[in-house]
Amino acid sequence: MSKIVRYEFMGSWLFFWALCITVIGIPLGILYLISGMLKVEHEMDDPEQFIAAYRSGRLGHKP
């Protein structure tokens, strides 16, 4: 079975951008971004069909 893998940031975007505004905080902001990243894997029979439906807008809408 194939997988769709996506990454989602679970930290605070406000805190991340506040760190990136200062020159000294940029390395800390990058470390915060990496440590707050979550990997989500979804197993699917046909991921290409799912991607095609998602891109065409037919996914998640009921008529």
Protein backbone atom coordinates (compact mmCIF):
# COMPACT_ATOMS: atom_id res chain seq x y z
CA MET A 1 0.00 0.00 0.00
CA SER A 2 1.32 3.45 -0.92
CA LYS A 3 1.66 6.36 1.46
CA ILE A 4 1.11 10.08 1.27
CA VAL A 5 3.53 11.90 3.56
CA ARG A 6 3.05 15.48 4.67
CA TYR A 7 4.75 17.65 7.25
CA GLU A 8 2.90 19.97 9.60
CA PHE A 9 4.36 22.59 11.94
CA MET A 10 2.82 22.25 15.41
CA GLY A 11 4.56 25.20 17.04
CA SER A 12 3.66 28.85 17.22
CA TRP A 13 4.09 30.75 13.94
CA LEU A 14 4.13 34.03 15.85
CA PHE A 15 7.04 32.91 18.02
CA PHE A 16 8.87 31.53 14.97
CA TRP A 17 8.60 34.83 13.06
CA ALA A 18 9.55 36.81 16.17
CA LEU A 19 12.77 34.80 16.35
CA CYS A 20 13.45 35.27 12.63
CA ILE A 21 13.09 39.06 12.81
CA THR A 22 16.25 39.36 14.87
CA VAL A 23 19.54 38.37 13.27
CA ILE A 24 20.67 36.46 16.37
CA GLY A 25 17.35 34.59 16.59
CA ILE A 26 17.44 33.15 13.05
CA PRO A 27 19.39 29.99 14.03
CA LEU A 28 17.09 29.54 17.03
CA GLY A 29 14.07 30.04 14.77
CA ILE A 30 15.31 27.36 12.39
CA LEU A 31 15.88 24.94 15.28
CA TYR A 32 12.41 25.75 16.61
CA LEU A 33 10.91 25.09 13.17
CA ILE A 34 12.68 21.74 12.83
CA SER A 35 11.79 20.61 16.36
CA GLY A 36 8.13 21.57 15.92
CA MET A 37 7.68 19.71 12.64
CA LEU A 38 5.42 16.65 12.67
CA LYS A 39 5.46 13.95 9.98
CA VAL A 40 2.01 12.61 9.06
CA GLU A 41 1.70 9.49 6.91
CA HIS A 42 -1.53 8.33 5.28
CA GLU A 43 -1.76 4.88 3.71
CA MET A 44 -3.88 4.78 0.54
CA ASP A 45 -4.65 2.32 -2.22
CA ASP A 46 -4.26 4.86 -5.04
CA PRO A 47 -2.57 8.11 -3.97
CA GLU A 48 -2.43 9.41 -7.57
CA GLN A 49 -6.22 9.32 -7.79
CA PHE A 50 -6.49 11.17 -4.48
CA ILE A 51 -4.06 13.89 -5.64
CA ALA A 52 -5.93 14.29 -8.93
CA ALA A 53 -9.25 14.67 -7.08
CA TYR A 54 -7.72 17.12 -4.62
CA ARG A 55 -6.23 19.31 -7.35
CA SER A 56 -9.44 19.36 -9.35
CA GLY A 57 -11.46 20.44 -6.29
CA ARG A 58 -13.68 17.36 -6.19
CA LEU A 59 -12.47 16.28 -2.76
CA GLY A 60 -14.35 17.10 0.41
CA HIS A 61 -17.31 18.88 -1.20
CA LYS A 62 -20.76 17.34 -1.15
CA PRO A 63 -23.23 18.48 -3.80
